[in-house]
Amino acid sequence: MIFLSTMQIKPVASETIQGLSYIQSMTQMLTEEVTDPDRRQIVVWASYAQAIMSSNEFRYID
């Protein structure tokens, strides 16, 4: 949903897989650092949103 909201296009399968992989990886990486699961989820999704907004596709939309 965040991809669609920011990019205004539906993600292709590889982008969906890559996004889910990013979310899972960040969640695992932050498990010890951010012990509150609700807070961890916010941090992970904020990080994903920043990653999307720093992509070339977002920054240079035709």
PDB file of N, CA and C in Angstrom:
ATOM      1  N   MET A   1       0.818  -1.193   0.000  1.00  0.00           N
ATOM      2  CA  MET A   1       0.000   0.000   0.000  1.00  0.00           C
ATOM      3  C   MET A   1       0.862   1.258   0.000  1.00  0.00           C
ATOM      4  N   ILE A   2       1.940   1.244   0.779  1.00  0.00           N
ATOM      5  CA  ILE A   2       2.793   2.432   0.828  1.00  0.00           C
ATOM      6  C   ILE A   2       3.463   2.673  -0.523  1.00  0.00           C
ATOM      7  N   PHE A   3       3.813   1.599  -1.217  1.00  0.00           N
ATOM      8  CA  PHE A   3       4.418   1.728  -2.540  1.00  0.00           C
ATOM      9  C   PHE A   3       3.433   2.392  -3.492  1.00  0.00           C
ATOM     10  N   LEU A   4       2.219   1.912  -3.493  1.00  0.00           N
ATOM     11  CA  LEU A   4       1.179   2.472  -4.368  1.00  0.00           C
ATOM     12  C   LEU A   4       0.912   3.933  -4.023  1.00  0.00           C
ATOM     13  N   SER A   5       0.874   4.255  -2.748  1.00  0.00           N
ATOM     14  CA  SER A   5       0.597   5.635  -2.318  1.00  0.00           C
ATOM     15  C   SER A   5       1.698   6.599  -2.730  1.00  0.00           C
ATOM     16  N   THR A   6       2.943   6.159  -2.639  1.00  0.00           N
ATOM     17  CA  THR A   6       4.044   7.072  -2.943  1.00  0.00           C
ATOM     18  C   THR A   6       4.407   7.096  -4.419  1.00  0.00           C
ATOM     19  N   MET A   7       4.356   5.936  -5.076  1.00  0.00           N
ATOM     20  CA  MET A   7       4.791   5.854  -6.465  1.00  0.00           C
ATOM     21  C   MET A   7       3.642   6.019  -7.461  1.00  0.00           C
ATOM     22  N   GLN A   8       2.414   5.887  -7.007  1.00  0.00           N
ATOM     23  CA  GLN A   8       1.230   6.003  -7.848  1.00  0.00           C
ATOM     24  C   GLN A   8       1.149   4.926  -8.935  1.00  0.00           C
ATOM     25  N   ILE A   9       1.826   3.802  -8.690  1.00  0.00           N
ATOM     26  CA  ILE A   9       1.738   2.636  -9.569  1.00  0.00           C
ATOM     27  C   ILE A   9       1.743   1.384  -8.708  1.00  0.00           C
ATOM     28  N   LYS A  10       1.158   0.304  -9.236  1.00  0.00           N
ATOM     29  CA  LYS A  10       1.192  -0.962  -8.506  1.00  0.00           C
ATOM     30  C   LYS A  10       2.585  -1.560  -8.632  1.00  0.00           C
ATOM     31  N   PRO A  11       3.112  -2.095  -7.553  1.00  0.00           N
ATOM     32  CA  PRO A  11       4.432  -2.724  -7.649  1.00  0.00           C
ATOM     33  C   PRO A  11       4.354  -4.033  -8.427  1.00  0.00           C
ATOM     34  N   VAL A  12       5.416  -4.334  -9.167  1.00  0.00           N
ATOM     35  CA  VAL A  12       5.498  -5.631  -9.831  1.00  0.00           C
ATOM     36  C   VAL A  12       5.894  -6.656  -8.780  1.00  0.00           C
ATOM     37  N   ALA A  13       5.782  -7.920  -9.113  1.00  0.00           N
ATOM     38  CA  ALA A  13       6.030  -8.991  -8.144  1.00  0.00           C
ATOM     39  C   ALA A  13       7.403  -8.874  -7.480  1.00  0.00           C
ATOM     40  N   SER A  14       8.416  -8.574  -8.250  1.00  0.00           N
ATOM     41  CA  SER A  14       9.772  -8.487  -7.680  1.00  0.00           C
ATOM     42  C   SER A  14       9.886  -7.337  -6.674  1.00  0.00           C
ATOM     43  N   GLU A  15       9.183  -6.243  -6.919  1.00  0.00           N
ATOM     44  CA  GLU A  15       9.204  -5.118  -5.979  1.00  0.00           C
ATOM     45  C   GLU A  15       8.467  -5.471  -4.691  1.00  0.00           C
ATOM     46  N   THR A  16       7.395  -6.232  -4.818  1.00  0.00           N
ATOM     47  CA  THR A  16       6.664  -6.684  -3.630  1.00  0.00           C
ATOM     48  C   THR A  16       7.537  -7.608  -2.794  1.00  0.00           C
ATOM     49  N   ILE A  17       8.198  -8.535  -3.444  1.00  0.00           N
ATOM     50  CA  ILE A  17       9.081  -9.474  -2.739  1.00  0.00           C
ATOM     51  C   ILE A  17      10.226  -8.726  -2.070  1.00  0.00           C
ATOM     52  N   GLN A  18      10.804  -7.783  -2.786  1.00  0.00           N
ATOM     53  CA  GLN A  18      11.896  -6.996  -2.237  1.00  0.00           C
ATOM     54  C   GLN A  18      11.431  -6.175  -1.028  1.00  0.00           C
ATOM     55  N   GLY A  19      10.254  -5.593  -1.113  1.00  0.00           N
ATOM     56  CA  GLY A  19       9.712  -4.817   0.003  1.00  0.00           C
ATOM     57  C   GLY A  19       9.451  -5.678   1.225  1.00  0.00           C
ATOM     58  N   LEU A  20       8.852  -6.846   1.019  1.00  0.00           N
ATOM     59  CA  LEU A  20       8.595  -7.756   2.140  1.00  0.00           C
ATOM     60  C   LEU A  20       9.898  -8.242   2.763  1.00  0.00           C
ATOM     61  N   SER A  21      10.876  -8.497   1.933  1.00  0.00           N
ATOM     62  CA  SER A  21      12.188  -8.920   2.428  1.00  0.00           C
ATOM     63  C   SER A  21      12.820  -7.823   3.281  1.00  0.00           C
ATOM     64  N   TYR A  22      12.690  -6.584   2.834  1.00  0.00           N
ATOM     65  CA  TYR A  22      13.219  -5.445   3.585  1.00  0.00           C
ATOM     66  C   TYR A  22      12.540  -5.347   4.952  1.00  0.00           C
ATOM     67  N   ILE A  23      11.220  -5.463   4.970  1.00  0.00           N
ATOM     68  CA  ILE A  23      10.466  -5.369   6.226  1.00  0.00           C
ATOM     69  C   ILE A  23      10.889  -6.482   7.188  1.00  0.00           C
ATOM     70  N   GLN A  24      10.988  -7.705   6.696  1.00  0.00           N
ATOM     71  CA  GLN A  24      11.392  -8.835   7.538  1.00  0.00           C
ATOM     72  C   GLN A  24      12.814  -8.659   8.059  1.00  0.00           C
ATOM     73  N   SER A  25      13.708  -8.230   7.187  1.00  0.00           N
ATOM     74  CA  SER A  25      15.100  -8.045   7.575  1.00  0.00           C
ATOM     75  C   SER A  25      15.246  -6.958   8.640  1.00  0.00           C
ATOM     76  N   MET A  26      14.588  -5.837   8.432  1.00  0.00           N
ATOM     77  CA  MET A  26      14.660  -4.748   9.409  1.00  0.00           C
ATOM     78  C   MET A  26      14.033  -5.149  10.739  1.00  0.00           C
ATOM     79  N   THR A  27      12.937  -5.879  10.683  1.00  0.00           N
ATOM     80  CA  THR A  27      12.289  -6.332  11.917  1.00  0.00           C
ATOM     81  C   THR A  27      13.236  -7.213  12.721  1.00  0.00           C
ATOM     82  N   GLN A  28      13.890  -8.138  12.058  1.00  0.00           N
ATOM     83  CA  GLN A  28      14.841  -9.023  12.745  1.00  0.00           C
ATOM     84  C   GLN A  28      16.036  -8.244  13.280  1.00  0.00           C
ATOM     85  N   MET A  29      16.521  -7.290  12.486  1.00  0.00           N
ATOM     86  CA  MET A  29      17.686  -6.519  12.882  1.00  0.00           C
ATOM     87  C   MET A  29      17.399  -5.664  14.125  1.00  0.00           C
ATOM     88  N   LEU A  30      16.176  -5.185  14.253  1.00  0.00           N
ATOM     89  CA  LEU A  30      15.836  -4.283  15.357  1.00  0.00           C
ATOM     90  C   LEU A  30      15.244  -4.983  16.577  1.00  0.00           C
ATOM     91  N   THR A  31      15.146  -6.306  16.541  1.00  0.00           N
ATOM     92  CA  THR A  31      14.502  -7.042  17.632  1.00  0.00           C
ATOM     93  C   THR A  31      15.137  -6.757  18.988  1.00  0.00           C
ATOM     94  N   GLU A  32      16.452  -6.746  19.055  1.00  0.00           N
ATOM     95  CA  GLU A  32      17.122  -6.497  20.336  1.00  0.00           C
ATOM     96  C   GLU A  32      17.175  -5.013  20.678  1.00  0.00           C
ATOM     97  N   GLU A  33      17.311  -4.180  19.665  1.00  0.00           N
ATOM     98  CA  GLU A  33      17.460  -2.745  19.894  1.00  0.00           C
ATOM     99  C   GLU A  33      16.151  -2.070  20.296  1.00  0.00           C
ATOM    100  N   VAL A  34      15.055  -2.464  19.657  1.00  0.00           N
ATOM    101  CA  VAL A  34      13.735  -1.882  19.945  1.00  0.00           C
ATOM    102  C   VAL A  34      12.863  -3.010  20.490  1.00  0.00           C
ATOM    103  N   THR A  35      12.742  -3.078  21.803  1.00  0.00           N
ATOM    104  CA  THR A  35      12.071  -4.215  22.434  1.00  0.00           C
ATOM    105  C   THR A  35      10.544  -4.132  22.378  1.00  0.00           C
ATOM    106  N   ASP A  36       9.989  -2.949  22.300  1.00  0.00           N
ATOM    107  CA  ASP A  36       8.540  -2.811  22.205  1.00  0.00           C
ATOM    108  C   ASP A  36       8.106  -3.124  20.771  1.00  0.00           C
ATOM    109  N   PRO A  37       7.291  -4.174  20.576  1.00  0.00           N
ATOM    110  CA  PRO A  37       6.921  -4.569  19.212  1.00  0.00           C
ATOM    111  C   PRO A  37       6.155  -3.499  18.431  1.00  0.00           C
ATOM    112  N   ASP A  38       5.316  -2.722  19.098  1.00  0.00           N
ATOM    113  CA  ASP A  38       4.589  -1.653  18.410  1.00  0.00           C
ATOM    114  C   ASP A  38       5.547  -0.565  17.933  1.00  0.00           C
ATOM    115  N   ARG A  39       6.460  -0.190  18.795  1.00  0.00           N
ATOM    116  CA  ARG A  39       7.462   0.825  18.435  1.00  0.00           C
ATOM    117  C   ARG A  39       8.356   0.307  17.310  1.00  0.00           C
ATOM    118  N   ARG A  40       8.753  -0.960  17.398  1.00  0.00           N
ATOM    119  CA  ARG A  40       9.595  -1.563  16.367  1.00  0.00           C
ATOM    120  C   ARG A  40       8.894  -1.525  15.006  1.00  0.00           C
ATOM    121  N   GLN A  41       7.614  -1.822  14.981  1.00  0.00           N
ATOM    122  CA  GLN A  41       6.854  -1.802  13.734  1.00  0.00           C
ATOM    123  C   GLN A  41       6.829  -0.398  13.129  1.00  0.00           C
ATOM    124  N   ILE A  42       6.677   0.603  13.964  1.00  0.00           N
ATOM    125  CA  ILE A  42       6.694   1.990  13.495  1.00  0.00           C
ATOM    126  C   ILE A  42       8.052   2.336  12.899  1.00  0.00           C
ATOM    127  N   VAL A  43       9.119   1.953  13.584  1.00  0.00           N
ATOM    128  CA  VAL A  43      10.474   2.247  13.109  1.00  0.00           C
ATOM    129  C   VAL A  43      10.749   1.552  11.780  1.00  0.00           C
ATOM    130  N   VAL A  44      10.330   0.291  11.674  1.00  0.00           N
ATOM    131  CA  VAL A  44      10.554  -0.477  10.445  1.00  0.00           C
ATOM    132  C   VAL A  44       9.812   0.152   9.270  1.00  0.00           C
ATOM    133  N   TRP A  45       8.539   0.476   9.458  1.00  0.00           N
ATOM    134  CA  TRP A  45       7.763   1.047   8.364  1.00  0.00           C
ATOM    135  C   TRP A  45       8.235   2.448   8.006  1.00  0.00           C
ATOM    136  N   ALA A  46       8.681   3.206   8.981  1.00  0.00           N
ATOM    137  CA  ALA A  46       9.242   4.534   8.697  1.00  0.00           C
ATOM    138  C   ALA A  46      10.511   4.395   7.865  1.00  0.00           C
ATOM    139  N   SER A  47      11.316   3.413   8.187  1.00  0.00           N
ATOM    140  CA  SER A  47      12.534   3.152   7.434  1.00  0.00           C
ATOM    141  C   SER A  47      12.215   2.749   5.994  1.00  0.00           C
ATOM    142  N   TYR A  48      11.203   1.919   5.827  1.00  0.00           N
ATOM    143  CA  TYR A  48      10.794   1.494   4.485  1.00  0.00           C
ATOM    144  C   TYR A  48      10.278   2.689   3.672  1.00  0.00           C
ATOM    145  N   ALA A  49       9.506   3.540   4.304  1.00  0.00           N
ATOM    146  CA  ALA A  49       8.996   4.740   3.620  1.00  0.00           C
ATOM    147  C   ALA A  49      10.150   5.637   3.189  1.00  0.00           C
ATOM    148  N   GLN A  50      11.146   5.796   4.041  1.00  0.00           N
ATOM    149  CA  GLN A  50      12.310   6.604   3.682  1.00  0.00           C
ATOM    150  C   GLN A  50      13.070   5.980   2.520  1.00  0.00           C
ATOM    151  N   ALA A  51      13.179   4.655   2.518  1.00  0.00           N
ATOM    152  CA  ALA A  51      13.870   3.964   1.422  1.00  0.00           C
ATOM    153  C   ALA A  51      13.151   4.204   0.099  1.00  0.00           C
ATOM    154  N   ILE A  52      11.835   4.115   0.114  1.00  0.00           N
ATOM    155  CA  ILE A  52      11.069   4.359  -1.114  1.00  0.00           C
ATOM    156  C   ILE A  52      11.243   5.800  -1.579  1.00  0.00           C
ATOM    157  N   MET A  53      11.164   6.741  -0.642  1.00  0.00           N
ATOM    158  CA  MET A  53      11.244   8.143  -1.023  1.00  0.00           C
ATOM    159  C   MET A  53      12.650   8.581  -1.417  1.00  0.00           C
ATOM    160  N   SER A  54      13.650   7.762  -1.129  1.00  0.00           N
ATOM    161  CA  SER A  54      15.005   8.100  -1.576  1.00  0.00           C
ATOM    162  C   SER A  54      15.365   7.383  -2.871  1.00  0.00           C
ATOM    163  N   SER A  55      14.449   6.589  -3.397  1.00  0.00           N
ATOM    164  CA  SER A  55      14.721   5.880  -4.647  1.00  0.00           C
ATOM    165  C   SER A  55      14.688   6.837  -5.839  1.00  0.00           C
ATOM    166  N   ASN A  56      15.412   6.484  -6.881  1.00  0.00           N
ATOM    167  CA  ASN A  56      15.411   7.298  -8.091  1.00  0.00           C
ATOM    168  C   ASN A  56      14.024   7.387  -8.703  1.00  0.00           C
ATOM    169  N   GLU A  57      13.267   6.295  -8.635  1.00  0.00           N
ATOM    170  CA  GLU A  57      11.928   6.279  -9.215  1.00  0.00           C
ATOM    171  C   GLU A  57      11.016   7.308  -8.551  1.00  0.00           C
ATOM    172  N   PHE A  58      11.190   7.513  -7.262  1.00  0.00           N
ATOM    173  CA  PHE A  58      10.374   8.500  -6.546  1.00  0.00           C
ATOM    174  C   PHE A  58      10.879   9.917  -6.815  1.00  0.00           C
ATOM    175  N   ARG A  59      12.165  10.080  -6.769  1.00  0.00           N
ATOM    176  CA  ARG A  59      12.760  11.408  -6.884  1.00  0.00           C
ATOM    177  C   ARG A  59      12.651  11.987  -8.288  1.00  0.00           C
ATOM    178  N   TYR A  60      12.629  11.116  -9.288  1.00  0.00           N
ATOM    179  CA  TYR A  60      12.631  11.591 -10.676  1.00  0.00           C
ATOM    180  C   TYR A  60      11.452  11.009 -11.448  1.00  0.00           C
ATOM    181  N   ILE A  61      10.257  11.289 -10.991  1.00  0.00           N
ATOM    182  CA  ILE A  61       9.060  10.805 -11.671  1.00  0.00           C
ATOM    183  C   ILE A  61       8.872  11.597 -12.955  1.00  0.00           C
ATOM    184  N   ASP A  62       8.614  10.874 -14.044  1.00  0.00           N
ATOM    185  CA  ASP A  62       8.397  11.521 -15.338  1.00  0.00           C
ATOM    186  C   ASP A  62       7.074  12.234 -15.380  1.00  0.00           C
TER     187      ASP A  62
END
